[in-house]
Amino acid sequence: MAAAGAGPVELGFAESAPAWRLRSEQFPSKVGGRPAWLGAAGLPGPPALACTLCRRPLSFLLQVYAPLPGRADAFHRGIFLFCCREPPCCAGLRVFRNQLPRKNDFYSYEPPSESPPPETGESVCLQLKSGAHLCRVCGCLGPKTCSRCHKAYYCSKEHQTLDWRLGHKQTCAQPDHFDHIIPDHNFLFPEFEIVIETEEEIMPEVVEKEDYSEITGSMGEALEEELDSMAKHESREDTIFQKFKTQIALEPEQILRYGRGIAPIWISGENIPQEKDIPDCPCGAKRILEFQVMPQLLNYLKADRLGKSIDWGILAVFTCAESCSLGVLAHPAKLSLVFIPVNLRR
């Protein structure tokens, strides 16, 4: 499904970075922590960021800064990915696209400085330039407030209860000592910068198919057909997985593959979408692959638990081929939902 003229594949790697480099004004690509929102208005509210299966708040997984050259309305552009990490669900996924022109109400027209700001403390900013407050636990919009101190904001009752239990009960009674040093709620994923490098060309290996003719030669016709079908399925699965391993062999630590319109590489034959399976954008344009999240990212998330936890083979994110401004022109920071299929190897 690669679009004509698709560029080279860019690989993303997780690396530690100082906190200031991961703030919104630096336009980061990053994993975990709180989202570094691109816009300061029109962000998705709690209903949009609730798991469609269990209805609990989603966790921010990663964001990719992906401006479009030659598009004045998408000079700044980001894709934000959220997931449910609450067992026994661990299945909800949601993706948003946000884009802004170079001249906007939130950022300087000039590129951000490469030097750290004078104040590089670890305090968390929980109020946007628009005046909107963010949840102390997850960093998403916080329309709810503590009824006692009126200084702590939350996206949901669940997060208010969690923060109360882990420290706000004490600081709430001492408003003069209330600050933005937030306790560890064990809700956010570990934070890393996503560093981008261009992929080198890799020659694919030839994978030989197994010959099952001797095994099935003496069996009944019905059983022979069944085993032949199973063998073909297993052979196809092996071929897909071998191609995947070959493709990532030179850079096995890659957590993300980016390239608008490139063909994804799958880890298994399960849940591979056909073109007809990918819904068009509400604007009417086709959706194309923007990036895929690799299973290697799971090693950085520290999300393993006894029982069920988040897991995937490939997360493939498809966005509007035209990167439309549907809703963006009227509300400069409105985010649009995009399509994401999941490809697993069990």
C-alpha atoms as a PDB file:
ATOM      1  CA  MET A   1       0.000   0.000   0.000  1.00  0.00           C
ATOM      2  CA  ALA A   2       2.985   2.277  -0.401  1.00  0.00           C
ATOM      3  CA  ALA A   3       2.106   5.551  -2.045  1.00  0.00           C
ATOM      4  CA  ALA A   4       3.895   6.651  -5.165  1.00  0.00           C
ATOM      5  CA  GLY A   5       6.996   8.594  -4.323  1.00  0.00           C
ATOM      6  CA  ALA A   6       7.161   7.371  -0.721  1.00  0.00           C
ATOM      7  CA  GLY A   7      10.441   8.483   0.831  1.00  0.00           C
ATOM      8  CA  PRO A   8      13.028   6.511   2.775  1.00  0.00           C
ATOM      9  CA  VAL A   9      12.101   4.781   6.002  1.00  0.00           C
ATOM     10  CA  GLU A  10      13.138   6.593   9.169  1.00  0.00           C
ATOM     11  CA  LEU A  11      13.808   4.539  12.286  1.00  0.00           C
ATOM     12  CA  GLY A  12      13.081   5.680  15.824  1.00  0.00           C
ATOM     13  CA  PHE A  13      15.196   4.718  18.842  1.00  0.00           C
ATOM     14  CA  ALA A  14      14.453   5.348  22.533  1.00  0.00           C
ATOM     15  CA  GLU A  15      17.123   7.402  24.310  1.00  0.00           C
ATOM     16  CA  SER A  16      17.264   9.195  27.639  1.00  0.00           C
ATOM     17  CA  ALA A  17      17.040  12.974  27.422  1.00  0.00           C
ATOM     18  CA  PRO A  18      16.890  15.953  29.828  1.00  0.00           C
ATOM     19  CA  ALA A  19      13.358  17.010  30.742  1.00  0.00           C
ATOM     20  CA  TRP A  20      13.558  20.367  28.941  1.00  0.00           C
ATOM     21  CA  ARG A  21      14.105  18.650  25.572  1.00  0.00           C
ATOM     22  CA  LEU A  22      10.800  16.835  25.919  1.00  0.00           C
ATOM     23  CA  ARG A  23       8.617  19.899  26.483  1.00  0.00           C
ATOM     24  CA  SER A  24       6.080  21.140  23.945  1.00  0.00           C
ATOM     25  CA  GLU A  25       8.144  24.144  22.837  1.00  0.00           C
ATOM     26  CA  GLN A  26      10.921  21.786  21.669  1.00  0.00           C
ATOM     27  CA  PHE A  27       8.499  19.860  19.391  1.00  0.00           C
ATOM     28  CA  PRO A  28       9.712  16.459  20.606  1.00  0.00           C
ATOM     29  CA  SER A  29       9.089  12.944  19.429  1.00  0.00           C
ATOM     30  CA  LYS A  30       8.949  10.942  22.625  1.00  0.00           C
ATOM     31  CA  VAL A  31       7.739   7.907  24.546  1.00  0.00           C
ATOM     32  CA  GLY A  32       5.921   7.999  27.865  1.00  0.00           C
ATOM     33  CA  GLY A  33       5.636  10.623  30.546  1.00  0.00           C
ATOM     34  CA  ARG A  34       2.891  13.196  29.975  1.00  0.00           C
ATOM     35  CA  PRO A  35       1.973  14.268  26.449  1.00  0.00           C
ATOM     36  CA  ALA A  36       3.822  17.359  25.192  1.00  0.00           C
ATOM     37  CA  TRP A  37       0.715  18.796  23.563  1.00  0.00           C
ATOM     38  CA  LEU A  38       1.338  20.604  20.302  1.00  0.00           C
ATOM     39  CA  GLY A  39      -1.676  22.902  20.615  1.00  0.00           C
ATOM     40  CA  ALA A  40      -2.772  24.658  23.780  1.00  0.00           C
ATOM     41  CA  ALA A  41      -6.491  24.653  22.958  1.00  0.00           C
ATOM     42  CA  GLY A  42      -9.044  22.252  21.572  1.00  0.00           C
ATOM     43  CA  LEU A  43      -7.407  19.165  23.090  1.00  0.00           C
ATOM     44  CA  PRO A  44      -9.347  15.906  23.463  1.00  0.00           C
ATOM     45  CA  GLY A  45     -11.327  15.748  26.670  1.00  0.00           C
ATOM     46  CA  PRO A  46     -11.804  12.848  29.085  1.00  0.00           C
ATOM     47  CA  PRO A  47     -14.537  11.105  27.010  1.00  0.00           C
ATOM     48  CA  ALA A  48     -12.229  10.971  23.958  1.00  0.00           C
ATOM     49  CA  LEU A  49      -9.377   9.614  26.098  1.00  0.00           C
ATOM     50  CA  ALA A  50     -11.375   6.890  27.854  1.00  0.00           C
ATOM     51  CA  CYS A  51     -10.887   3.269  26.806  1.00  0.00           C
ATOM     52  CA  THR A  52     -13.783   2.232  24.583  1.00  0.00           C
ATOM     53  CA  LEU A  53     -13.766  -1.202  26.240  1.00  0.00           C
ATOM     54  CA  CYS A  54     -13.340  -0.628  29.987  1.00  0.00           C
ATOM     55  CA  ARG A  55     -14.013   3.175  30.055  1.00  0.00           C
ATOM     56  CA  ARG A  56     -10.976   3.889  32.246  1.00  0.00           C
ATOM     57  CA  PRO A  57      -8.521   6.679  31.322  1.00  0.00           C
ATOM     58  CA  LEU A  58      -5.989   5.799  28.627  1.00  0.00           C
ATOM     59  CA  SER A  59      -2.248   6.194  29.205  1.00  0.00           C
ATOM     60  CA  PHE A  60      -0.108   8.292  26.885  1.00  0.00           C
ATOM     61  CA  LEU A  61       2.194   5.947  24.953  1.00  0.00           C
ATOM     62  CA  LEU A  62       4.103   8.104  22.468  1.00  0.00           C
ATOM     63  CA  GLN A  63       4.027  11.062  20.105  1.00  0.00           C
ATOM     64  CA  VAL A  64       5.739  11.675  16.776  1.00  0.00           C
ATOM     65  CA  TYR A  65       6.564  15.165  15.492  1.00  0.00           C
ATOM     66  CA  ALA A  66       5.946  14.900  11.751  1.00  0.00           C
ATOM     67  CA  PRO A  67       5.678  18.249   9.917  1.00  0.00           C
ATOM     68  CA  LEU A  68       4.832  18.224   6.205  1.00  0.00           C
ATOM     69  CA  PRO A  69       7.256  20.179   3.968  1.00  0.00           C
ATOM     70  CA  GLY A  70       5.465  22.562   1.674  1.00  0.00           C
ATOM     71  CA  ARG A  71       2.271  22.588   3.730  1.00  0.00           C
ATOM     72  CA  ALA A  72       1.792  25.935   5.447  1.00  0.00           C
ATOM     73  CA  ASP A  73      -1.082  24.574   7.529  1.00  0.00           C
ATOM     74  CA  ALA A  74       1.007  21.625   8.765  1.00  0.00           C
ATOM     75  CA  PHE A  75       4.312  23.365   9.492  1.00  0.00           C
ATOM     76  CA  HIS A  76       3.977  21.864  12.974  1.00  0.00           C
ATOM     77  CA  ARG A  77       2.314  18.455  13.061  1.00  0.00           C
ATOM     78  CA  GLY A  78       2.131  15.738  15.680  1.00  0.00           C
ATOM     79  CA  ILE A  79       0.617  12.278  16.077  1.00  0.00           C
ATOM     80  CA  PHE A  80      -0.345  11.229  19.629  1.00  0.00           C
ATOM     81  CA  LEU A  81      -0.910   7.578  20.582  1.00  0.00           C
ATOM     82  CA  PHE A  82      -2.700   6.441  23.752  1.00  0.00           C
ATOM     83  CA  CYS A  83      -3.367   2.938  25.089  1.00  0.00           C
ATOM     84  CA  CYS A  84      -5.148   1.203  27.933  1.00  0.00           C
ATOM     85  CA  ARG A  85      -2.728  -0.341  30.425  1.00  0.00           C
ATOM     86  CA  GLU A  86      -5.279  -1.446  32.999  1.00  0.00           C
ATOM     87  CA  PRO A  87      -5.730  -5.223  33.410  1.00  0.00           C
ATOM     88  CA  PRO A  88      -7.737  -7.172  32.539  1.00  0.00           C
ATOM     89  CA  CYS A  89      -8.458  -4.880  29.564  1.00  0.00           C
ATOM     90  CA  CYS A  90      -5.074  -3.689  28.193  1.00  0.00           C
ATOM     91  CA  ALA A  91      -6.625  -3.461  24.744  1.00  0.00           C
ATOM     92  CA  GLY A  92      -7.934   0.060  24.063  1.00  0.00           C
ATOM     93  CA  LEU A  93      -6.015   2.242  21.588  1.00  0.00           C
ATOM     94  CA  ARG A  94      -6.609   5.809  20.439  1.00  0.00           C
ATOM     95  CA  VAL A  95      -4.618   8.066  18.088  1.00  0.00           C
ATOM     96  CA  PHE A  96      -4.941  11.799  17.400  1.00  0.00           C
ATOM     97  CA  ARG A  97      -3.426  14.111  14.797  1.00  0.00           C
ATOM     98  CA  ASN A  98      -2.710  17.777  15.507  1.00  0.00           C
ATOM     99  CA  GLN A  99      -1.258  20.393  13.126  1.00  0.00           C
ATOM    100  CA  LEU A 100      -0.537  24.100  13.218  1.00  0.00           C
ATOM    101  CA  PRO A 101       0.825  26.741  10.807  1.00  0.00           C
ATOM    102  CA  ARG A 102       4.194  28.299  11.554  1.00  0.00           C
ATOM    103  CA  LYS A 103       2.505  31.509  12.665  1.00  0.00           C
ATOM    104  CA  ASN A 104       0.209  30.543  15.508  1.00  0.00           C
ATOM    105  CA  ASP A 105      -0.903  31.638  18.962  1.00  0.00           C
ATOM    106  CA  PHE A 106       1.290  29.242  20.909  1.00  0.00           C
ATOM    107  CA  TYR A 107       4.886  29.190  19.635  1.00  0.00           C
ATOM    108  CA  SER A 108       7.561  31.510  18.333  1.00  0.00           C
ATOM    109  CA  TYR A 109       7.891  31.886  14.578  1.00  0.00           C
ATOM    110  CA  GLU A 110      11.598  31.077  14.960  1.00  0.00           C
ATOM    111  CA  PRO A 111      12.970  27.578  15.692  1.00  0.00           C
ATOM    112  CA  PRO A 112      13.459  26.672  19.362  1.00  0.00           C
ATOM    113  CA  SER A 113      16.858  27.114  20.963  1.00  0.00           C
ATOM    114  CA  GLU A 114      19.149  24.082  21.144  1.00  0.00           C
ATOM    115  CA  SER A 115      20.481  25.290  24.504  1.00  0.00           C
ATOM    116  CA  PRO A 116      18.791  24.447  27.791  1.00  0.00           C
ATOM    117  CA  PRO A 117      16.698  27.247  29.302  1.00  0.00           C
ATOM    118  CA  PRO A 118      17.957  28.988  32.459  1.00  0.00           C
ATOM    119  CA  GLU A 119      15.390  27.075  34.515  1.00  0.00           C
ATOM    120  CA  THR A 120      15.658  23.354  33.796  1.00  0.00           C
ATOM    121  CA  GLY A 121      14.037  21.988  36.934  1.00  0.00           C
ATOM    122  CA  GLU A 122      11.971  18.818  37.031  1.00  0.00           C
ATOM    123  CA  SER A 123       8.693  20.572  37.981  1.00  0.00           C
ATOM    124  CA  VAL A 124       5.713  19.684  35.829  1.00  0.00           C
ATOM    125  CA  CYS A 125       3.721  22.323  33.936  1.00  0.00           C
ATOM    126  CA  LEU A 126       0.037  21.642  34.543  1.00  0.00           C
ATOM    127  CA  GLN A 127      -1.497  24.715  32.914  1.00  0.00           C
ATOM    128  CA  LEU A 128      -1.408  25.519  29.203  1.00  0.00           C
ATOM    129  CA  LYS A 129      -1.014  28.970  27.649  1.00  0.00           C
ATOM    130  CA  SER A 130      -4.707  28.874  26.827  1.00  0.00           C
ATOM    131  CA  GLY A 131      -5.439  28.716  30.560  1.00  0.00           C
ATOM    132  CA  ALA A 132      -6.620  25.110  30.440  1.00  0.00           C
ATOM    133  CA  HIS A 133      -5.558  22.946  33.376  1.00  0.00           C
ATOM    134  CA  LEU A 134      -4.096  19.446  33.059  1.00  0.00           C
ATOM    135  CA  CYS A 135      -4.637  16.370  35.190  1.00  0.00           C
ATOM    136  CA  ARG A 136      -1.981  15.894  37.883  1.00  0.00           C
ATOM    137  CA  VAL A 137      -1.821  12.180  37.135  1.00  0.00           C
ATOM    138  CA  CYS A 138      -1.829  11.860  33.331  1.00  0.00           C
ATOM    139  CA  GLY A 139      -1.255  15.344  31.855  1.00  0.00           C
ATOM    140  CA  CYS A 140      -4.481  15.340  29.814  1.00  0.00           C
ATOM    141  CA  LEU A 141      -7.244  17.927  30.134  1.00  0.00           C
ATOM    142  CA  GLY A 142      -8.428  18.214  33.741  1.00  0.00           C
ATOM    143  CA  PRO A 143     -11.927  19.683  33.919  1.00  0.00           C
ATOM    144  CA  LYS A 144     -12.469  18.346  37.452  1.00  0.00           C
ATOM    145  CA  THR A 145     -10.973  20.092  40.475  1.00  0.00           C
ATOM    146  CA  CYS A 146     -10.389  19.247  44.117  1.00  0.00           C
ATOM    147  CA  SER A 147     -13.386  20.632  46.028  1.00  0.00           C
ATOM    148  CA  ARG A 148     -11.222  21.555  49.042  1.00  0.00           C
ATOM    149  CA  CYS A 149      -8.164  23.392  47.694  1.00  0.00           C
ATOM    150  CA  HIS A 150      -9.407  24.176  44.153  1.00  0.00           C
ATOM    151  CA  LYS A 151      -5.790  23.957  42.962  1.00  0.00           C
ATOM    152  CA  ALA A 152      -5.525  20.331  41.872  1.00  0.00           C
ATOM    153  CA  TYR A 153      -7.123  19.322  38.576  1.00  0.00           C
ATOM    154  CA  TYR A 154      -8.037  15.886  37.257  1.00  0.00           C
ATOM    155  CA  CYS A 155      -9.425  14.197  34.171  1.00  0.00           C
ATOM    156  CA  SER A 156     -11.507  11.716  36.142  1.00  0.00           C
ATOM    157  CA  LYS A 157     -12.646  10.554  39.551  1.00  0.00           C
ATOM    158  CA  GLU A 158     -10.221   7.602  39.239  1.00  0.00           C
ATOM    159  CA  HIS A 159      -7.223   9.890  38.978  1.00  0.00           C
ATOM    160  CA  GLN A 160      -8.424  12.201  41.728  1.00  0.00           C
ATOM    161  CA  THR A 161      -8.752   9.211  44.064  1.00  0.00           C
ATOM    162  CA  LEU A 162      -5.303   7.941  43.083  1.00  0.00           C
ATOM    163  CA  ASP A 163      -3.639  11.316  43.722  1.00  0.00           C
ATOM    164  CA  TRP A 164      -5.458  11.759  47.016  1.00  0.00           C
ATOM    165  CA  ARG A 165      -4.183   8.420  48.246  1.00  0.00           C
ATOM    166  CA  LEU A 166      -0.592   9.096  47.153  1.00  0.00           C
ATOM    167  CA  GLY A 167      -0.038  12.512  48.704  1.00  0.00           C
ATOM    168  CA  HIS A 168      -2.619  15.148  47.886  1.00  0.00           C
ATOM    169  CA  LYS A 169      -4.465  14.337  51.105  1.00  0.00           C
ATOM    170  CA  GLN A 170      -1.558  15.955  52.987  1.00  0.00           C
ATOM    171  CA  THR A 171      -0.773  18.888  50.644  1.00  0.00           C
ATOM    172  CA  CYS A 172      -4.429  19.763  50.132  1.00  0.00           C
ATOM    173  CA  ALA A 173      -4.653  21.099  53.704  1.00  0.00           C
ATOM    174  CA  GLN A 174      -1.515  23.216  53.181  1.00  0.00           C
ATOM    175  CA  PRO A 175      -2.223  25.365  50.098  1.00  0.00           C
ATOM    176  CA  ASP A 176       0.812  27.559  50.783  1.00  0.00           C
ATOM    177  CA  HIS A 177       3.029  24.518  50.292  1.00  0.00           C
ATOM    178  CA  PHE A 178       1.206  23.207  47.238  1.00  0.00           C
ATOM    179  CA  ASP A 179       3.528  22.875  44.246  1.00  0.00           C
ATOM    180  CA  HIS A 180       3.951  20.935  41.024  1.00  0.00           C
ATOM    181  CA  ILE A 181       6.283  18.245  42.335  1.00  0.00           C
ATOM    182  CA  ILE A 182       4.063  15.318  41.501  1.00  0.00           C
ATOM    183  CA  PRO A 183       4.301  11.900  43.207  1.00  0.00           C
ATOM    184  CA  ASP A 184       4.820   8.743  41.189  1.00  0.00           C
ATOM    185  CA  HIS A 185       1.326   7.423  40.563  1.00  0.00           C
ATOM    186  CA  ASN A 186       2.588   4.343  38.700  1.00  0.00           C
ATOM    187  CA  PHE A 187       0.355   5.370  35.787  1.00  0.00           C
ATOM    188  CA  LEU A 188       2.769   6.982  33.314  1.00  0.00           C
ATOM    189  CA  PHE A 189       5.153   5.000  31.151  1.00  0.00           C
ATOM    190  CA  PRO A 190       8.912   5.711  31.480  1.00  0.00           C
ATOM    191  CA  GLU A 191       9.891   8.747  29.400  1.00  0.00           C
ATOM    192  CA  PHE A 192      12.377   8.676  26.510  1.00  0.00           C
ATOM    193  CA  GLU A 193      13.168  10.825  23.516  1.00  0.00           C
ATOM    194  CA  ILE A 194      12.645   9.186  20.119  1.00  0.00           C
ATOM    195  CA  VAL A 195      15.796   9.799  18.081  1.00  0.00           C
ATOM    196  CA  ILE A 196      15.399   9.395  14.318  1.00  0.00           C
ATOM    197  CA  GLU A 197      17.864   7.828  11.842  1.00  0.00           C
ATOM    198  CA  THR A 198      17.396   6.839   8.180  1.00  0.00           C
ATOM    199  CA  GLU A 199      17.256   3.106   7.500  1.00  0.00           C
ATOM    200  CA  GLU A 200      19.945   1.540   5.326  1.00  0.00           C
ATOM    201  CA  GLU A 201      18.965  -0.795   2.532  1.00  0.00           C
ATOM    202  CA  ILE A 202      18.873  -4.467   3.538  1.00  0.00           C
ATOM    203  CA  MET A 203      18.955  -7.332   1.054  1.00  0.00           C
ATOM    204  CA  PRO A 204      16.163  -9.819   1.889  1.00  0.00           C
ATOM    205  CA  GLU A 205      17.096 -13.421   2.508  1.00  0.00           C
ATOM    206  CA  VAL A 206      15.556 -16.250   0.515  1.00  0.00           C
ATOM    207  CA  VAL A 207      13.363 -18.426   2.724  1.00  0.00           C
ATOM    208  CA  GLU A 208      12.984 -22.001   1.546  1.00  0.00           C
ATOM    209  CA  LYS A 209       9.570 -23.619   1.760  1.00  0.00           C
ATOM    210  CA  GLU A 210       9.232 -27.017   3.389  1.00  0.00           C
ATOM    211  CA  ASP A 211       8.145 -30.013   1.309  1.00  0.00           C
ATOM    212  CA  TYR A 212       5.374 -31.993   3.036  1.00  0.00           C
ATOM    213  CA  SER A 213       4.611 -34.321   0.113  1.00  0.00           C
ATOM    214  CA  GLU A 214       6.276 -37.377   1.676  1.00  0.00           C
ATOM    215  CA  ILE A 215       4.341 -36.941   4.934  1.00  0.00           C
ATOM    216  CA  THR A 216       0.917 -36.646   3.326  1.00  0.00           C
ATOM    217  CA  GLY A 217       1.434 -39.178   0.499  1.00  0.00           C
ATOM    218  CA  SER A 218       0.040 -42.174   2.375  1.00  0.00           C
ATOM    219  CA  MET A 219      -2.825 -40.427   4.165  1.00  0.00           C
ATOM    220  CA  GLY A 220      -6.505 -40.164   3.293  1.00  0.00           C
ATOM    221  CA  GLU A 221      -7.519 -37.414   0.896  1.00  0.00           C
ATOM    222  CA  ALA A 222      -9.476 -35.357   3.468  1.00  0.00           C
ATOM    223  CA  LEU A 223      -6.686 -35.497   6.061  1.00  0.00           C
ATOM    224  CA  GLU A 224      -4.123 -34.777   3.385  1.00  0.00           C
ATOM    225  CA  GLU A 225      -5.984 -31.627   2.341  1.00  0.00           C
ATOM    226  CA  GLU A 226      -6.292 -30.489   5.951  1.00  0.00           C
ATOM    227  CA  LEU A 227      -2.591 -31.006   6.678  1.00  0.00           C
ATOM    228  CA  ASP A 228      -1.664 -29.364   3.402  1.00  0.00           C
ATOM    229  CA  SER A 229      -3.723 -26.322   4.351  1.00  0.00           C
ATOM    230  CA  MET A 230      -2.082 -26.184   7.780  1.00  0.00           C
ATOM    231  CA  ALA A 231       1.370 -26.541   6.251  1.00  0.00           C
ATOM    232  CA  LYS A 232       0.737 -23.702   3.818  1.00  0.00           C
ATOM    233  CA  HIS A 233      -0.478 -21.488   6.665  1.00  0.00           C
ATOM    234  CA  GLU A 234       2.573 -22.286   8.801  1.00  0.00           C
ATOM    235  CA  SER A 235       4.858 -21.752   5.827  1.00  0.00           C
ATOM    236  CA  ARG A 236       3.271 -18.347   5.155  1.00  0.00           C
ATOM    237  CA  GLU A 237       3.615 -17.384   8.827  1.00  0.00           C
ATOM    238  CA  ASP A 238       7.282 -18.429   8.814  1.00  0.00           C
ATOM    239  CA  THR A 239       7.918 -16.433   5.644  1.00  0.00           C
ATOM    240  CA  ILE A 240       6.313 -13.287   7.095  1.00  0.00           C
ATOM    241  CA  PHE A 241       8.208 -13.605  10.366  1.00  0.00           C
ATOM    242  CA  GLN A 242      11.505 -14.316   8.608  1.00  0.00           C
ATOM    243  CA  LYS A 243      11.041 -11.237   6.435  1.00  0.00           C
ATOM    244  CA  PHE A 244      10.377  -9.209   9.583  1.00  0.00           C
ATOM    245  CA  LYS A 245      13.545 -10.490  11.295  1.00  0.00           C
ATOM    246  CA  THR A 246      15.634  -9.837   8.190  1.00  0.00           C
ATOM    247  CA  GLN A 247      14.320  -6.284   7.832  1.00  0.00           C
ATOM    248  CA  ILE A 248      15.206  -5.284  11.398  1.00  0.00           C
ATOM    249  CA  ALA A 249      18.448  -7.274  11.629  1.00  0.00           C
ATOM    250  CA  LEU A 250      20.776  -4.282  11.199  1.00  0.00           C
ATOM    251  CA  GLU A 251      18.912  -2.164  13.767  1.00  0.00           C
ATOM    252  CA  PRO A 252      17.233  -4.574  16.191  1.00  0.00           C
ATOM    253  CA  GLU A 253      16.608  -1.838  18.810  1.00  0.00           C
ATOM    254  CA  GLN A 254      14.274   0.212  16.602  1.00  0.00           C
ATOM    255  CA  ILE A 255      11.006   1.035  18.316  1.00  0.00           C
ATOM    256  CA  LEU A 256       9.367   2.871  15.430  1.00  0.00           C
ATOM    257  CA  ARG A 257       9.408   2.927  11.627  1.00  0.00           C
ATOM    258  CA  TYR A 258       8.228   6.176  10.047  1.00  0.00           C
ATOM    259  CA  GLY A 259       7.434   7.014   6.428  1.00  0.00           C
ATOM    260  CA  ARG A 260       4.219   8.389   4.970  1.00  0.00           C
ATOM    261  CA  GLY A 261       2.943   5.972   2.358  1.00  0.00           C
ATOM    262  CA  ILE A 262       5.551   3.253   2.873  1.00  0.00           C
ATOM    263  CA  ALA A 263       4.556  -0.396   3.053  1.00  0.00           C
ATOM    264  CA  PRO A 264       4.490  -1.752   6.627  1.00  0.00           C
ATOM    265  CA  ILE A 265       6.433  -4.839   7.606  1.00  0.00           C
ATOM    266  CA  TRP A 266       4.305  -7.321   9.510  1.00  0.00           C
ATOM    267  CA  ILE A 267       5.361  -9.739  12.222  1.00  0.00           C
ATOM    268  CA  SER A 268       2.632 -12.290  11.473  1.00  0.00           C
ATOM    269  CA  GLY A 269      -0.224 -12.976   9.092  1.00  0.00           C
ATOM    270  CA  GLU A 270      -2.814 -12.170  11.769  1.00  0.00           C
ATOM    271  CA  ASN A 271      -4.840  -8.956  11.415  1.00  0.00           C
ATOM    272  CA  ILE A 272      -3.069  -7.705   8.286  1.00  0.00           C
ATOM    273  CA  PRO A 273      -5.553  -5.169   6.898  1.00  0.00           C
ATOM    274  CA  GLN A 274      -6.472  -5.055   3.245  1.00  0.00           C
ATOM    275  CA  GLU A 275      -6.952  -1.693   1.582  1.00  0.00           C
ATOM    276  CA  LYS A 276     -10.729  -2.107   1.853  1.00  0.00           C
ATOM    277  CA  ASP A 277     -10.393  -2.604   5.622  1.00  0.00           C
ATOM    278  CA  ILE A 278      -8.870   0.840   6.176  1.00  0.00           C
ATOM    279  CA  PRO A 279     -11.668   3.410   6.446  1.00  0.00           C
ATOM    280  CA  ASP A 280     -11.366   6.641   4.517  1.00  0.00           C
ATOM    281  CA  CYS A 281     -10.813   9.897   6.369  1.00  0.00           C
ATOM    282  CA  PRO A 282     -14.054  11.846   7.045  1.00  0.00           C
ATOM    283  CA  CYS A 283     -12.802  14.338   4.454  1.00  0.00           C
ATOM    284  CA  GLY A 284     -13.097  11.580   1.817  1.00  0.00           C
ATOM    285  CA  ALA A 285      -9.387  10.991   1.248  1.00  0.00           C
ATOM    286  CA  LYS A 286      -7.716   7.612   1.653  1.00  0.00           C
ATOM    287  CA  ARG A 287      -5.660   6.861   4.737  1.00  0.00           C
ATOM    288  CA  ILE A 288      -2.036   5.785   4.297  1.00  0.00           C
ATOM    289  CA  LEU A 289       0.526   4.377   6.686  1.00  0.00           C
ATOM    290  CA  GLU A 290       2.228   7.099   8.710  1.00  0.00           C
ATOM    291  CA  PHE A 291       4.305   4.943  11.056  1.00  0.00           C
ATOM    292  CA  GLN A 292       4.381   1.600  12.834  1.00  0.00           C
ATOM    293  CA  VAL A 293       5.289   0.922  16.435  1.00  0.00           C
ATOM    294  CA  MET A 294       7.589  -2.052  16.891  1.00  0.00           C
ATOM    295  CA  PRO A 295       7.416  -4.709  19.644  1.00  0.00           C
ATOM    296  CA  GLN A 296      10.853  -3.628  20.894  1.00  0.00           C
ATOM    297  CA  LEU A 297       9.175  -0.650  22.575  1.00  0.00           C
ATOM    298  CA  LEU A 298       7.631  -3.028  25.111  1.00  0.00           C
ATOM    299  CA  ASN A 299      11.109  -3.559  26.594  1.00  0.00           C
ATOM    300  CA  TYR A 300      11.214   0.108  27.654  1.00  0.00           C
ATOM    301  CA  LEU A 301       7.739   0.392  29.166  1.00  0.00           C
ATOM    302  CA  LYS A 302       8.191  -1.728  32.303  1.00  0.00           C
ATOM    303  CA  ALA A 303       4.565  -2.749  31.950  1.00  0.00           C
ATOM    304  CA  ASP A 304       4.898  -6.492  32.580  1.00  0.00           C
ATOM    305  CA  ARG A 305       2.589  -7.751  35.299  1.00  0.00           C
ATOM    306  CA  LEU A 306       1.400 -11.119  36.546  1.00  0.00           C
ATOM    307  CA  GLY A 307      -1.581 -11.910  34.395  1.00  0.00           C
ATOM    308  CA  LYS A 308      -2.556  -9.710  31.459  1.00  0.00           C
ATOM    309  CA  SER A 309      -0.541  -6.666  30.383  1.00  0.00           C
ATOM    310  CA  ILE A 310      -0.199  -4.582  27.234  1.00  0.00           C
ATOM    311  CA  ASP A 311       1.236  -6.466  24.283  1.00  0.00           C
ATOM    312  CA  TRP A 312       1.421  -6.173  20.522  1.00  0.00           C
ATOM    313  CA  GLY A 313       3.355  -7.323  17.501  1.00  0.00           C
ATOM    314  CA  ILE A 314       2.915  -4.265  15.279  1.00  0.00           C
ATOM    315  CA  LEU A 315       0.841  -1.128  15.830  1.00  0.00           C
ATOM    316  CA  ALA A 316       0.320   0.420  12.383  1.00  0.00           C
ATOM    317  CA  VAL A 317      -1.017   3.990  12.287  1.00  0.00           C
ATOM    318  CA  PHE A 318      -2.782   5.154   9.131  1.00  0.00           C
ATOM    319  CA  THR A 319      -3.544   8.865   8.659  1.00  0.00           C
ATOM    320  CA  CYS A 320      -5.286  10.996   6.055  1.00  0.00           C
ATOM    321  CA  ALA A 321      -3.276  11.011   2.811  1.00  0.00           C
ATOM    322  CA  GLU A 322      -4.106  14.699   2.438  1.00  0.00           C
ATOM    323  CA  SER A 323      -3.445  15.465   6.124  1.00  0.00           C
ATOM    324  CA  CYS A 324      -6.687  17.409   5.915  1.00  0.00           C
ATOM    325  CA  SER A 325      -7.580  20.434   7.954  1.00  0.00           C
ATOM    326  CA  LEU A 326     -11.006  19.062   8.816  1.00  0.00           C
ATOM    327  CA  GLY A 327     -11.887  20.967  11.981  1.00  0.00           C
ATOM    328  CA  VAL A 328      -8.407  22.493  12.191  1.00  0.00           C
ATOM    329  CA  LEU A 329      -9.141  25.753  10.375  1.00  0.00           C
ATOM    330  CA  ALA A 330     -12.007  26.699  12.656  1.00  0.00           C
ATOM    331  CA  HIS A 331     -10.241  25.478  15.787  1.00  0.00           C
ATOM    332  CA  PRO A 332      -6.463  25.708  15.211  1.00  0.00           C
ATOM    333  CA  ALA A 333      -5.529  22.979  17.690  1.00  0.00           C
ATOM    334  CA  LYS A 334      -8.375  20.521  17.216  1.00  0.00           C
ATOM    335  CA  LEU A 335      -7.172  16.931  17.015  1.00  0.00           C
ATOM    336  CA  SER A 336      -8.529  14.377  14.567  1.00  0.00           C
ATOM    337  CA  LEU A 337      -8.856  10.663  15.191  1.00  0.00           C
ATOM    338  CA  VAL A 338      -6.888   8.396  12.855  1.00  0.00           C
ATOM    339  CA  PHE A 339      -7.027   4.652  12.171  1.00  0.00           C
ATOM    340  CA  ILE A 340      -4.832   2.028  13.857  1.00  0.00           C
ATOM    341  CA  PRO A 341      -4.875  -1.759  13.283  1.00  0.00           C
ATOM    342  CA  VAL A 342      -3.003  -4.178  15.568  1.00  0.00           C
ATOM    343  CA  ASN A 343      -0.867  -7.036  14.220  1.00  0.00           C
ATOM    344  CA  LEU A 344       0.092  -9.735  16.724  1.00  0.00           C
ATOM    345  CA  ARG A 345       2.370 -12.769  16.835  1.00  0.00           C
ATOM    346  CA  ARG A 346       1.338 -15.033  19.694  1.00  0.00           C
END
